[in-house]
N, C-alpha and C. Protein backbone atom coordinates (compact mmCIF):
# COMPACT_ATOMS: atom_id res chain seq x y z
N MET A 1 92.64 -147.49 -123.24
CA MET A 1 93.10 -146.31 -122.48
C MET A 1 94.36 -145.73 -123.10
N ASN A 2 95.29 -146.65 -123.47
CA ASN A 2 96.52 -146.19 -124.12
C ASN A 2 96.23 -145.55 -125.45
N SER A 3 95.22 -146.11 -126.17
CA SER A 3 94.88 -145.52 -127.47
C SER A 3 94.33 -144.12 -127.31
N ASP A 4 93.54 -143.90 -126.24
CA ASP A 4 93.03 -142.55 -125.98
C ASP A 4 94.16 -141.60 -125.68
N PHE A 5 95.15 -142.07 -124.92
CA PHE A 5 96.30 -141.22 -124.58
C PHE A 5 97.09 -140.86 -125.82
N GLU A 6 97.31 -141.88 -126.68
CA GLU A 6 98.07 -141.63 -127.91
C GLU A 6 97.32 -140.68 -128.82
N ARG A 7 95.97 -140.82 -128.86
CA ARG A 7 95.17 -139.94 -129.70
C ARG A 7 95.25 -138.50 -129.22
N SER A 8 95.23 -138.31 -127.88
CA SER A 8 95.32 -136.96 -127.34
C SER A 8 96.67 -136.35 -127.62
N ASN A 9 97.73 -137.20 -127.59
CA ASN A 9 99.06 -136.69 -127.91
C ASN A 9 99.14 -136.26 -129.37
N LYS A 10 98.51 -137.05 -130.25
CA LYS A 10 98.52 -136.69 -131.67
C LYS A 10 97.78 -135.39 -131.91
N ILE A 11 96.65 -135.23 -131.24
CA ILE A 11 95.88 -133.99 -131.39
C ILE A 11 96.69 -132.80 -130.89
N GLY A 12 97.33 -132.97 -129.74
CA GLY A 12 98.14 -131.89 -129.19
C GLY A 12 99.33 -131.56 -130.05
N SER A 13 99.92 -132.62 -130.66
CA SER A 13 101.09 -132.38 -131.48
C SER A 13 100.75 -131.66 -132.77
N ASN A 14 99.49 -131.73 -133.20
CA ASN A 14 99.10 -131.07 -134.44
C ASN A 14 98.86 -129.58 -134.25
N ARG A 15 98.68 -129.15 -133.01
CA ARG A 15 98.36 -127.75 -132.76
C ARG A 15 99.48 -126.80 -133.18
N PRO A 16 100.75 -127.07 -132.80
CA PRO A 16 101.81 -126.17 -133.26
C PRO A 16 101.92 -126.14 -134.78
N ALA A 17 101.74 -127.31 -135.40
CA ALA A 17 101.84 -127.36 -136.86
C ALA A 17 100.74 -126.53 -137.50
N SER A 18 99.52 -126.65 -136.96
CA SER A 18 98.42 -125.86 -137.52
C SER A 18 98.64 -124.38 -137.31
N SER A 19 99.24 -124.00 -136.18
CA SER A 19 99.54 -122.60 -135.93
C SER A 19 100.55 -122.07 -136.93
N PHE A 20 101.57 -122.89 -137.21
CA PHE A 20 102.56 -122.49 -138.20
C PHE A 20 101.94 -122.37 -139.59
N ARG A 21 101.01 -123.29 -139.91
CA ARG A 21 100.36 -123.22 -141.21
C ARG A 21 99.54 -121.95 -141.35
N ARG A 22 98.85 -121.55 -140.26
CA ARG A 22 98.10 -120.30 -140.29
C ARG A 22 99.04 -119.11 -140.46
N LEU A 23 100.19 -119.19 -139.80
CA LEU A 23 101.16 -118.10 -139.91
C LEU A 23 101.73 -118.01 -141.33
N GLU A 24 101.92 -119.17 -141.95
CA GLU A 24 102.45 -119.18 -143.30
C GLU A 24 101.47 -118.57 -144.30
N ARG A 25 100.17 -118.64 -143.99
CA ARG A 25 99.17 -118.10 -144.90
C ARG A 25 99.06 -116.58 -144.80
N VAL A 26 99.64 -115.98 -143.77
CA VAL A 26 99.63 -114.52 -143.64
C VAL A 26 100.57 -113.93 -144.69
N PRO A 27 100.10 -113.00 -145.52
CA PRO A 27 100.98 -112.38 -146.52
C PRO A 27 102.20 -111.75 -145.87
N MET A 28 103.33 -111.84 -146.56
CA MET A 28 104.59 -111.35 -146.00
C MET A 28 104.52 -109.86 -145.66
N LEU A 29 103.89 -109.07 -146.54
CA LEU A 29 103.79 -107.63 -146.28
C LEU A 29 102.96 -107.35 -145.02
N LEU A 30 101.89 -108.11 -144.85
CA LEU A 30 101.06 -107.93 -143.66
C LEU A 30 101.81 -108.36 -142.40
N LEU A 31 102.58 -109.43 -142.51
CA LEU A 31 103.38 -109.89 -141.38
C LEU A 31 104.43 -108.84 -141.01
N MET A 32 105.05 -108.24 -142.02
CA MET A 32 106.02 -107.18 -141.77
C MET A 32 105.36 -105.97 -141.11
N LEU A 33 104.12 -105.69 -141.51
CA LEU A 33 103.39 -104.58 -140.88
C LEU A 33 103.14 -104.88 -139.41
N TYR A 34 102.73 -106.10 -139.09
CA TYR A 34 102.50 -106.48 -137.69
C TYR A 34 103.77 -106.30 -136.86
N VAL A 35 104.88 -106.75 -137.41
CA VAL A 35 106.15 -106.61 -136.70
C VAL A 35 106.50 -105.13 -136.52
N GLY A 36 106.30 -104.35 -137.57
CA GLY A 36 106.59 -102.92 -137.47
C GLY A 36 105.71 -102.22 -136.45
N LEU A 37 104.43 -102.57 -136.41
CA LEU A 37 103.52 -101.96 -135.43
C LEU A 37 103.90 -102.34 -134.01
N ALA A 38 104.36 -103.57 -133.83
CA ALA A 38 104.82 -104.00 -132.51
C ALA A 38 106.03 -103.16 -132.08
N GLY A 39 106.93 -102.89 -133.03
CA GLY A 39 108.08 -102.04 -132.73
C GLY A 39 107.69 -100.62 -132.39
N VAL A 40 106.71 -100.08 -133.14
CA VAL A 40 106.23 -98.72 -132.87
C VAL A 40 105.59 -98.65 -131.49
N ALA A 41 104.79 -99.66 -131.16
CA ALA A 41 104.15 -99.69 -129.84
C ALA A 41 105.20 -99.72 -128.74
N ALA A 42 106.24 -100.53 -128.92
CA ALA A 42 107.31 -100.60 -127.92
C ALA A 42 108.03 -99.26 -127.79
N LEU A 43 108.22 -98.57 -128.92
CA LEU A 43 108.87 -97.26 -128.89
C LEU A 43 108.08 -96.26 -128.04
N PHE A 44 106.77 -96.22 -128.25
CA PHE A 44 105.96 -95.27 -127.49
C PHE A 44 105.84 -95.65 -126.03
N VAL A 45 105.86 -96.94 -125.73
CA VAL A 45 105.85 -97.37 -124.33
C VAL A 45 107.11 -96.88 -123.63
N VAL A 46 108.26 -97.01 -124.31
CA VAL A 46 109.52 -96.53 -123.74
C VAL A 46 109.49 -95.01 -123.55
N LEU A 47 108.98 -94.29 -124.53
CA LEU A 47 108.93 -92.82 -124.43
C LEU A 47 108.02 -92.36 -123.29
N ILE A 48 106.85 -92.99 -123.18
CA ILE A 48 105.93 -92.63 -122.10
C ILE A 48 106.53 -93.00 -120.75
N GLY A 49 107.21 -94.14 -120.68
CA GLY A 49 107.87 -94.52 -119.43
C GLY A 49 108.95 -93.53 -119.04
N ALA A 50 109.74 -93.08 -120.03
CA ALA A 50 110.78 -92.09 -119.74
C ALA A 50 110.17 -90.75 -119.34
N TYR A 51 109.08 -90.39 -120.00
CA TYR A 51 108.38 -89.14 -119.67
C TYR A 51 107.84 -89.18 -118.24
N THR A 52 107.23 -90.31 -117.88
CA THR A 52 106.69 -90.46 -116.53
C THR A 52 107.80 -90.42 -115.48
N TYR A 53 108.88 -91.14 -115.75
CA TYR A 53 110.00 -91.18 -114.80
C TYR A 53 110.59 -89.78 -114.62
N THR A 54 110.72 -89.03 -115.70
CA THR A 54 111.31 -87.70 -115.62
C THR A 54 110.46 -86.78 -114.76
N ARG A 55 109.15 -86.81 -114.96
CA ARG A 55 108.27 -85.95 -114.16
C ARG A 55 108.33 -86.33 -112.68
N LEU A 56 108.29 -87.63 -112.40
CA LEU A 56 108.32 -88.06 -111.00
C LEU A 56 109.68 -87.79 -110.37
N HIS A 57 110.74 -87.99 -111.15
CA HIS A 57 112.09 -87.78 -110.63
C HIS A 57 112.32 -86.30 -110.32
N ASN A 58 111.80 -85.42 -111.16
CA ASN A 58 111.97 -83.99 -110.94
C ASN A 58 110.96 -83.41 -109.97
N GLY A 59 109.99 -84.23 -109.54
CA GLY A 59 108.99 -83.76 -108.59
C GLY A 59 108.06 -82.71 -109.16
N GLU A 60 107.81 -82.77 -110.47
CA GLU A 60 106.95 -81.78 -111.11
C GLU A 60 105.49 -82.14 -110.87
N ALA A 61 104.72 -81.16 -110.46
CA ALA A 61 103.30 -81.38 -110.19
C ALA A 61 102.51 -81.36 -111.49
N ALA A 62 101.50 -82.23 -111.57
CA ALA A 62 100.65 -82.27 -112.75
C ALA A 62 99.58 -81.18 -112.66
N GLY A 63 99.08 -80.72 -113.80
CA GLY A 63 98.00 -79.76 -113.84
C GLY A 63 98.44 -78.32 -113.68
N VAL A 64 99.76 -78.05 -113.72
CA VAL A 64 100.23 -76.66 -113.59
C VAL A 64 99.86 -75.86 -114.83
N TYR A 65 100.03 -76.47 -115.99
CA TYR A 65 99.69 -75.83 -117.25
C TYR A 65 98.56 -76.63 -117.91
N PRO A 66 97.61 -75.94 -118.53
CA PRO A 66 96.53 -76.67 -119.22
C PRO A 66 97.06 -77.34 -120.49
N LEU A 67 96.56 -78.52 -120.77
CA LEU A 67 96.92 -79.21 -122.00
C LEU A 67 96.33 -78.43 -123.18
N PRO A 68 97.09 -78.23 -124.24
CA PRO A 68 96.58 -77.44 -125.37
C PRO A 68 95.23 -77.96 -125.87
N ARG A 69 94.30 -77.04 -126.05
CA ARG A 69 92.97 -77.44 -126.51
C ARG A 69 93.02 -78.01 -127.92
N TYR A 70 94.04 -77.64 -128.67
CA TYR A 70 94.18 -78.19 -130.02
C TYR A 70 94.48 -79.68 -130.01
N PHE A 71 95.08 -80.15 -128.93
CA PHE A 71 95.29 -81.59 -128.79
C PHE A 71 93.95 -82.32 -128.68
N SER A 72 93.01 -81.71 -127.95
CA SER A 72 91.68 -82.31 -127.83
C SER A 72 90.95 -82.30 -129.17
N LEU A 73 91.04 -81.18 -129.88
CA LEU A 73 90.40 -81.09 -131.20
C LEU A 73 91.01 -82.09 -132.17
N SER A 74 92.33 -82.22 -132.13
CA SER A 74 92.98 -83.16 -133.04
C SER A 74 92.58 -84.60 -132.74
N THR A 75 92.31 -84.91 -131.47
CA THR A 75 91.86 -86.25 -131.11
C THR A 75 90.53 -86.57 -131.76
N ILE A 76 89.61 -85.60 -131.74
CA ILE A 76 88.30 -85.78 -132.37
C ILE A 76 88.46 -85.99 -133.87
N VAL A 77 89.32 -85.18 -134.48
CA VAL A 77 89.55 -85.29 -135.93
C VAL A 77 90.11 -86.65 -136.29
N LEU A 78 91.05 -87.15 -135.49
CA LEU A 78 91.66 -88.44 -135.79
C LEU A 78 90.65 -89.57 -135.61
N LEU A 79 89.76 -89.46 -134.63
CA LEU A 79 88.71 -90.46 -134.46
C LEU A 79 87.78 -90.49 -135.66
N VAL A 80 87.43 -89.30 -136.16
CA VAL A 80 86.57 -89.23 -137.35
C VAL A 80 87.27 -89.84 -138.56
N SER A 81 88.57 -89.56 -138.71
CA SER A 81 89.31 -90.13 -139.84
C SER A 81 89.38 -91.65 -139.75
N SER A 82 89.47 -92.17 -138.54
CA SER A 82 89.50 -93.62 -138.36
C SER A 82 88.16 -94.24 -138.75
N TYR A 83 87.08 -93.55 -138.43
CA TYR A 83 85.75 -94.02 -138.82
C TYR A 83 85.59 -93.99 -140.34
N VAL A 84 86.08 -92.92 -140.95
CA VAL A 84 85.94 -92.78 -142.41
C VAL A 84 86.72 -93.87 -143.13
N VAL A 85 87.97 -94.09 -142.74
CA VAL A 85 88.78 -95.09 -143.44
C VAL A 85 88.24 -96.50 -143.20
N ALA A 86 87.50 -96.70 -142.11
CA ALA A 86 86.90 -98.01 -141.84
C ALA A 86 85.82 -98.36 -142.86
N GLN A 87 85.32 -97.37 -143.60
CA GLN A 87 84.30 -97.62 -144.61
C GLN A 87 84.90 -98.13 -145.92
N SER A 88 86.22 -98.00 -146.06
CA SER A 88 86.87 -98.33 -147.33
C SER A 88 86.74 -99.81 -147.73
N PRO A 89 86.89 -100.78 -146.81
CA PRO A 89 86.71 -102.18 -147.24
C PRO A 89 85.32 -102.46 -147.78
N ARG A 90 84.30 -101.85 -147.19
CA ARG A 90 82.93 -102.05 -147.68
C ARG A 90 82.76 -101.48 -149.08
N LEU A 91 83.31 -100.29 -149.32
CA LEU A 91 83.22 -99.67 -150.65
C LEU A 91 83.98 -100.50 -151.69
N TYR A 92 85.12 -101.04 -151.29
CA TYR A 92 85.90 -101.89 -152.19
C TYR A 92 85.12 -103.16 -152.53
N ALA A 93 84.49 -103.75 -151.53
CA ALA A 93 83.72 -104.98 -151.76
C ALA A 93 82.52 -104.72 -152.68
N GLN A 94 82.01 -103.49 -152.67
CA GLN A 94 80.89 -103.13 -153.53
C GLN A 94 81.33 -102.63 -154.91
N ASP A 95 82.63 -102.70 -155.19
CA ASP A 95 83.20 -102.23 -156.46
C ASP A 95 82.93 -100.74 -156.70
N ASP A 96 82.79 -100.01 -155.63
CA ASP A 96 82.52 -98.57 -155.71
C ASP A 96 83.84 -97.80 -155.61
N LEU A 97 84.55 -97.71 -156.73
CA LEU A 97 85.85 -97.05 -156.70
C LEU A 97 85.73 -95.54 -156.53
N SER A 98 84.67 -94.95 -157.06
CA SER A 98 84.47 -93.51 -156.87
C SER A 98 84.25 -93.19 -155.39
N GLY A 99 83.42 -94.00 -154.74
CA GLY A 99 83.20 -93.82 -153.31
C GLY A 99 84.45 -94.10 -152.51
N LEU A 100 85.23 -95.10 -152.95
CA LEU A 100 86.48 -95.40 -152.28
C LEU A 100 87.46 -94.25 -152.41
N SER A 101 87.51 -93.61 -153.57
CA SER A 101 88.38 -92.45 -153.75
C SER A 101 87.99 -91.32 -152.82
N ARG A 102 86.69 -91.07 -152.72
CA ARG A 102 86.23 -90.01 -151.80
C ARG A 102 86.56 -90.36 -150.35
N CYS A 103 86.42 -91.63 -150.01
CA CYS A 103 86.72 -92.08 -148.65
C CYS A 103 88.19 -91.87 -148.31
N LEU A 104 89.07 -92.29 -149.22
CA LEU A 104 90.50 -92.13 -148.99
C LEU A 104 90.89 -90.65 -149.00
N GLY A 105 90.26 -89.88 -149.89
CA GLY A 105 90.54 -88.45 -149.93
C GLY A 105 90.12 -87.75 -148.65
N ALA A 106 88.96 -88.12 -148.12
CA ALA A 106 88.49 -87.52 -146.86
C ALA A 106 89.42 -87.89 -145.70
N THR A 107 89.90 -89.13 -145.70
CA THR A 107 90.84 -89.55 -144.66
C THR A 107 92.14 -88.76 -144.75
N LEU A 108 92.61 -88.54 -145.98
CA LEU A 108 93.83 -87.76 -146.17
C LEU A 108 93.64 -86.33 -145.71
N LEU A 109 92.48 -85.75 -146.01
CA LEU A 109 92.19 -84.38 -145.58
C LEU A 109 92.13 -84.28 -144.06
N LEU A 110 91.44 -85.22 -143.44
CA LEU A 110 91.31 -85.20 -141.98
C LEU A 110 92.66 -85.39 -141.30
N SER A 111 93.50 -86.24 -141.86
CA SER A 111 94.82 -86.43 -141.27
C SER A 111 95.69 -85.19 -141.42
N SER A 112 95.49 -84.45 -142.51
CA SER A 112 96.20 -83.18 -142.67
C SER A 112 95.75 -82.17 -141.63
N ILE A 113 94.45 -82.15 -141.37
CA ILE A 113 93.92 -81.26 -140.34
C ILE A 113 94.48 -81.66 -138.98
N PHE A 114 94.57 -82.95 -138.72
CA PHE A 114 95.15 -83.43 -137.46
C PHE A 114 96.57 -82.91 -137.29
N ALA A 115 97.38 -83.05 -138.33
CA ALA A 115 98.77 -82.58 -138.25
C ALA A 115 98.82 -81.07 -138.02
N GLY A 116 97.93 -80.33 -138.69
CA GLY A 116 97.89 -78.89 -138.49
C GLY A 116 97.49 -78.51 -137.06
N LEU A 117 96.53 -79.24 -136.49
CA LEU A 117 96.11 -78.97 -135.11
C LEU A 117 97.22 -79.30 -134.12
N GLN A 118 98.00 -80.32 -134.42
CA GLN A 118 99.14 -80.62 -133.57
C GLN A 118 100.15 -79.48 -133.58
N LEU A 119 100.37 -78.91 -134.76
CA LEU A 119 101.28 -77.77 -134.87
C LEU A 119 100.76 -76.58 -134.07
N LEU A 120 99.46 -76.34 -134.14
CA LEU A 120 98.87 -75.26 -133.35
C LEU A 120 99.00 -75.56 -131.85
N GLY A 121 98.90 -76.83 -131.49
CA GLY A 121 99.08 -77.21 -130.08
C GLY A 121 100.49 -76.91 -129.60
N TRP A 122 101.49 -77.17 -130.46
CA TRP A 122 102.86 -76.84 -130.08
C TRP A 122 103.04 -75.33 -129.93
N GLN A 123 102.40 -74.56 -130.80
CA GLN A 123 102.47 -73.11 -130.68
C GLN A 123 101.82 -72.63 -129.39
N GLU A 124 100.73 -73.29 -129.00
CA GLU A 124 100.07 -72.93 -127.74
C GLU A 124 100.98 -73.22 -126.55
N LEU A 125 101.70 -74.32 -126.61
CA LEU A 125 102.67 -74.62 -125.55
C LEU A 125 103.74 -73.55 -125.48
N THR A 126 104.19 -73.10 -126.64
CA THR A 126 105.22 -72.05 -126.67
C THR A 126 104.71 -70.76 -126.05
N ARG A 127 103.45 -70.43 -126.30
CA ARG A 127 102.87 -69.22 -125.69
C ARG A 127 102.77 -69.35 -124.18
N GLN A 128 102.71 -70.56 -123.68
CA GLN A 128 102.70 -70.77 -122.23
C GLN A 128 104.12 -70.66 -121.63
N GLY A 129 105.10 -70.45 -122.50
CA GLY A 129 106.48 -70.37 -122.03
C GLY A 129 107.18 -71.70 -122.00
N LEU A 130 106.55 -72.71 -122.60
CA LEU A 130 107.13 -74.06 -122.62
C LEU A 130 107.70 -74.31 -124.02
N THR A 131 109.00 -74.42 -124.10
CA THR A 131 109.66 -74.62 -125.39
C THR A 131 110.43 -75.94 -125.38
N ILE A 132 110.85 -76.35 -126.56
CA ILE A 132 111.58 -77.60 -126.70
C ILE A 132 112.96 -77.53 -126.06
N THR A 133 113.43 -76.32 -125.78
CA THR A 133 114.72 -76.16 -125.10
C THR A 133 114.54 -76.00 -123.59
N GLY A 134 113.31 -76.19 -123.11
CA GLY A 134 113.05 -76.01 -121.69
C GLY A 134 113.33 -77.25 -120.88
N ASP A 135 112.45 -77.53 -119.91
CA ASP A 135 112.64 -78.68 -119.03
C ASP A 135 112.61 -79.99 -119.82
N THR A 136 113.21 -80.99 -119.21
CA THR A 136 113.30 -82.29 -119.87
C THR A 136 111.91 -82.88 -120.14
N SER A 137 111.00 -82.75 -119.18
CA SER A 137 109.66 -83.30 -119.36
C SER A 137 108.93 -82.61 -120.50
N VAL A 138 109.17 -81.29 -120.67
CA VAL A 138 108.55 -80.55 -121.77
C VAL A 138 109.11 -81.03 -123.10
N ARG A 139 110.41 -81.29 -123.14
CA ARG A 139 111.02 -81.81 -124.36
C ARG A 139 110.42 -83.17 -124.72
N PHE A 140 110.13 -83.98 -123.71
CA PHE A 140 109.50 -85.27 -123.96
C PHE A 140 108.11 -85.08 -124.56
N LEU A 141 107.39 -84.08 -124.08
CA LEU A 141 106.05 -83.83 -124.60
C LEU A 141 106.10 -83.49 -126.09
N PHE A 142 107.03 -82.60 -126.46
CA PHE A 142 107.21 -82.27 -127.87
C PHE A 142 107.68 -83.49 -128.66
N LEU A 143 108.60 -84.25 -128.08
CA LEU A 143 109.16 -85.39 -128.78
C LEU A 143 108.11 -86.46 -129.05
N ILE A 144 107.32 -86.80 -128.04
CA ILE A 144 106.34 -87.87 -128.18
C ILE A 144 105.28 -87.50 -129.20
N SER A 145 104.73 -86.29 -129.07
CA SER A 145 103.72 -85.88 -130.04
C SER A 145 104.31 -85.72 -131.43
N GLY A 146 105.57 -85.27 -131.51
CA GLY A 146 106.22 -85.13 -132.80
C GLY A 146 106.46 -86.46 -133.48
N VAL A 147 106.88 -87.46 -132.71
CA VAL A 147 107.10 -88.79 -133.27
C VAL A 147 105.79 -89.38 -133.78
N HIS A 148 104.71 -89.13 -133.05
CA HIS A 148 103.41 -89.62 -133.51
C HIS A 148 102.99 -88.94 -134.81
N VAL A 149 103.19 -87.63 -134.89
CA VAL A 149 102.86 -86.92 -136.13
C VAL A 149 103.68 -87.46 -137.29
N ALA A 150 104.93 -87.80 -137.04
CA ALA A 150 105.78 -88.36 -138.09
C ALA A 150 105.20 -89.68 -138.61
N HIS A 151 104.66 -90.49 -137.72
CA HIS A 151 104.04 -91.75 -138.17
C HIS A 151 102.73 -91.47 -138.92
N VAL A 152 102.01 -90.44 -138.52
CA VAL A 152 100.81 -90.05 -139.27
C VAL A 152 101.19 -89.61 -140.69
N LEU A 153 102.25 -88.81 -140.80
CA LEU A 153 102.70 -88.35 -142.11
C LEU A 153 103.14 -89.52 -142.99
N GLY A 154 103.79 -90.51 -142.38
CA GLY A 154 104.17 -91.69 -143.14
C GLY A 154 102.96 -92.43 -143.68
N GLY A 155 101.92 -92.55 -142.85
CA GLY A 155 100.68 -93.17 -143.31
C GLY A 155 100.00 -92.35 -144.38
N MET A 156 100.10 -91.03 -144.29
CA MET A 156 99.51 -90.16 -145.30
C MET A 156 100.17 -90.34 -146.66
N LEU A 157 101.47 -90.57 -146.67
CA LEU A 157 102.18 -90.79 -147.93
C LEU A 157 101.69 -92.06 -148.61
N PHE A 158 101.56 -93.13 -147.84
CA PHE A 158 101.04 -94.38 -148.38
C PHE A 158 99.59 -94.20 -148.83
N LEU A 159 98.83 -93.45 -148.06
CA LEU A 159 97.43 -93.19 -148.38
C LEU A 159 97.30 -92.39 -149.67
N LEU A 160 98.19 -91.44 -149.86
CA LEU A 160 98.16 -90.62 -151.08
C LEU A 160 98.42 -91.47 -152.32
N VAL A 161 99.40 -92.38 -152.23
CA VAL A 161 99.71 -93.26 -153.36
C VAL A 161 98.51 -94.13 -153.70
N LEU A 162 97.88 -94.71 -152.67
CA LEU A 162 96.71 -95.55 -152.89
C LEU A 162 95.55 -94.75 -153.44
N LEU A 163 95.39 -93.51 -152.98
CA LEU A 163 94.32 -92.64 -153.48
C LEU A 163 94.50 -92.34 -154.96
N VAL A 164 95.72 -92.02 -155.38
CA VAL A 164 95.99 -91.71 -156.79
C VAL A 164 95.67 -92.92 -157.66
N ARG A 165 96.09 -94.09 -157.24
CA ARG A 165 95.85 -95.29 -158.03
C ARG A 165 94.36 -95.64 -158.08
N THR A 166 93.67 -95.42 -156.97
CA THR A 166 92.23 -95.68 -156.95
C THR A 166 91.50 -94.71 -157.85
N HIS A 167 91.89 -93.45 -157.82
CA HIS A 167 91.24 -92.44 -158.65
C HIS A 167 91.47 -92.73 -160.13
N GLN A 168 92.68 -93.14 -160.49
CA GLN A 168 92.97 -93.48 -161.88
C GLN A 168 92.14 -94.67 -162.33
N ALA A 169 92.01 -95.67 -161.45
CA ALA A 169 91.23 -96.85 -161.80
C ALA A 169 89.74 -96.53 -161.93
N SER A 170 89.25 -95.58 -161.15
CA SER A 170 87.82 -95.24 -161.19
C SER A 170 87.43 -94.53 -162.48
N ARG A 171 88.40 -94.00 -163.21
CA ARG A 171 88.11 -93.25 -164.44
C ARG A 171 88.16 -94.12 -165.68
N ASP A 172 88.53 -95.38 -165.54
CA ASP A 172 88.63 -96.28 -166.67
C ASP A 172 88.06 -97.63 -166.29
N ALA A 173 87.14 -98.15 -167.11
CA ALA A 173 86.44 -99.39 -166.76
C ALA A 173 87.40 -100.57 -166.69
N VAL A 174 88.33 -100.64 -167.64
CA VAL A 174 89.27 -101.76 -167.66
C VAL A 174 90.20 -101.69 -166.45
N ARG A 175 90.76 -100.50 -166.20
CA ARG A 175 91.62 -100.34 -165.03
C ARG A 175 90.85 -100.63 -163.74
N GLY A 176 89.61 -100.21 -163.71
CA GLY A 176 88.80 -100.45 -162.53
C GLY A 176 88.58 -101.93 -162.28
N LEU A 177 88.34 -102.70 -163.34
CA LEU A 177 88.15 -104.14 -163.19
C LEU A 177 89.42 -104.81 -162.71
N VAL A 178 90.56 -104.40 -163.28
CA VAL A 178 91.84 -104.97 -162.86
C VAL A 178 92.12 -104.60 -161.41
N PHE A 179 91.81 -103.36 -161.03
CA PHE A 179 92.04 -102.90 -159.66
C PHE A 179 91.22 -103.72 -158.67
N ILE A 180 89.97 -103.94 -158.97
CA ILE A 180 89.08 -104.66 -158.06
C ILE A 180 89.49 -106.12 -157.93
N ARG A 181 89.97 -106.72 -159.04
CA ARG A 181 90.32 -108.13 -159.02
C ARG A 181 91.76 -108.37 -158.54
N ASN A 182 92.49 -107.32 -158.26
CA ASN A 182 93.89 -107.46 -157.85
C ASN A 182 93.97 -107.69 -156.35
N PRO A 183 94.40 -108.88 -155.90
CA PRO A 183 94.48 -109.13 -154.45
C PRO A 183 95.49 -108.24 -153.74
N TYR A 184 96.48 -107.74 -154.50
CA TYR A 184 97.47 -106.85 -153.89
C TYR A 184 96.84 -105.54 -153.47
N ARG A 185 95.89 -105.02 -154.26
CA ARG A 185 95.19 -103.79 -153.89
C ARG A 185 94.34 -104.01 -152.64
N ARG A 186 93.71 -105.18 -152.58
CA ARG A 186 92.92 -105.50 -151.39
C ARG A 186 93.81 -105.56 -150.16
N LEU A 187 95.00 -106.11 -150.32
CA LEU A 187 95.95 -106.18 -149.21
C LEU A 187 96.40 -104.79 -148.81
N GLN A 188 96.68 -103.92 -149.77
CA GLN A 188 97.08 -102.55 -149.46
C GLN A 188 96.01 -101.83 -148.66
N LEU A 189 94.77 -102.01 -149.08
CA LEU A 189 93.66 -101.36 -148.38
C LEU A 189 93.53 -101.89 -146.96
N ARG A 190 93.71 -103.17 -146.80
CA ARG A 190 93.66 -103.77 -145.46
C ARG A 190 94.78 -103.23 -144.58
N MET A 191 95.96 -103.07 -145.16
CA MET A 191 97.11 -102.59 -144.41
C MET A 191 96.94 -101.15 -143.97
N ILE A 192 96.47 -100.28 -144.87
CA ILE A 192 96.32 -98.87 -144.50
C ILE A 192 95.21 -98.71 -143.46
N THR A 193 94.16 -99.52 -143.56
CA THR A 193 93.08 -99.46 -142.57
C THR A 193 93.59 -99.90 -141.20
N LEU A 194 94.34 -101.00 -141.17
CA LEU A 194 94.91 -101.49 -139.92
C LEU A 194 95.88 -100.46 -139.33
N TYR A 195 96.72 -99.91 -140.18
CA TYR A 195 97.70 -98.93 -139.71
C TYR A 195 97.00 -97.71 -139.13
N TRP A 196 95.94 -97.27 -139.79
CA TRP A 196 95.25 -96.07 -139.32
C TRP A 196 94.59 -96.29 -137.98
N HIS A 197 93.95 -97.43 -137.81
CA HIS A 197 93.33 -97.73 -136.51
C HIS A 197 94.40 -97.83 -135.42
N PHE A 198 95.54 -98.39 -135.77
CA PHE A 198 96.63 -98.51 -134.80
C PHE A 198 97.13 -97.13 -134.38
N ILE A 199 97.38 -96.26 -135.35
CA ILE A 199 97.86 -94.91 -135.04
C ILE A 199 96.83 -94.15 -134.22
N ASP A 200 95.56 -94.36 -134.52
CA ASP A 200 94.49 -93.74 -133.75
C ASP A 200 94.53 -94.22 -132.30
N GLY A 201 94.66 -95.54 -132.12
CA GLY A 201 94.72 -96.08 -130.77
C GLY A 201 95.93 -95.60 -129.99
N VAL A 202 97.07 -95.48 -130.68
CA VAL A 202 98.29 -94.96 -130.02
C VAL A 202 98.06 -93.54 -129.54
N TRP A 203 97.45 -92.71 -130.38
CA TRP A 203 97.24 -91.32 -129.96
C TRP A 203 96.27 -91.24 -128.78
N LEU A 204 95.24 -92.07 -128.78
CA LEU A 204 94.32 -92.07 -127.64
C LEU A 204 95.05 -92.41 -126.35
N ALA A 205 95.95 -93.39 -126.42
CA ALA A 205 96.73 -93.75 -125.24
C ALA A 205 97.66 -92.62 -124.83
N LEU A 206 98.29 -91.97 -125.80
CA LEU A 206 99.18 -90.85 -125.50
C LEU A 206 98.40 -89.68 -124.91
N PHE A 207 97.24 -89.40 -125.50
CA PHE A 207 96.43 -88.29 -125.00
C PHE A 207 95.97 -88.53 -123.57
N ALA A 208 95.59 -89.78 -123.27
CA ALA A 208 95.20 -90.13 -121.90
C ALA A 208 96.38 -89.96 -120.94
N ALA A 209 97.57 -90.34 -121.38
CA ALA A 209 98.76 -90.18 -120.54
C ALA A 209 99.07 -88.70 -120.31
N PHE A 210 98.92 -87.88 -121.36
CA PHE A 210 99.14 -86.45 -121.21
C PHE A 210 98.14 -85.82 -120.23
N LEU A 211 96.89 -86.26 -120.32
CA LEU A 211 95.88 -85.73 -119.41
C LEU A 211 96.20 -86.06 -117.97
N PHE A 212 96.75 -87.25 -117.76
CA PHE A 212 97.04 -87.71 -116.39
C PHE A 212 98.32 -87.09 -115.84
N LEU A 213 99.31 -86.91 -116.72
CA LEU A 213 100.64 -86.50 -116.26
C LEU A 213 100.92 -85.01 -116.43
N TYR A 214 100.34 -84.38 -117.44
CA TYR A 214 100.75 -83.02 -117.79
C TYR A 214 100.26 -82.01 -116.75
């Protein structure tokens, strides 16, 4: 009986060690990305909480002004871009660098359209008489969507660099072989895919909050 107890203690004591070993196997860049995404998520939670508190504190009724239709269109575009970039790991695994270049290029184009639709949405708000110098809740609306667009632009910059390198590798057999066999490129592709899905999920949450509160 004592041996069974000691054995269970040994098994239990190995669990934290195995967890640490799994954590140690996570690449440092990927771990930094996880930490950064957690910080971004916390930032948007704080912004949405402040936005909600401001509306309730000021007694502003929801549904007075329609949410810009461009926000809805941009949501569809961002969902499509998330689907497109999700194809990139499969293309990479198939050594299809030309297809991977087209995939990354399409994602970059769709994200540019998303940013443009957001700008049109802000212009639509202005035509409704809602400006960034207006009520506090309106300023929060501009701020939250603007901060999200800033994170999309940051992802686009990383995506552009990866697209250029992929396109260069696809035009040369030797470069292409080195690119495919380079674990760092695989990690970059994993990171941009994860980041894009995260940004997509954040916008869906923000859009749902806007629909409920605006």
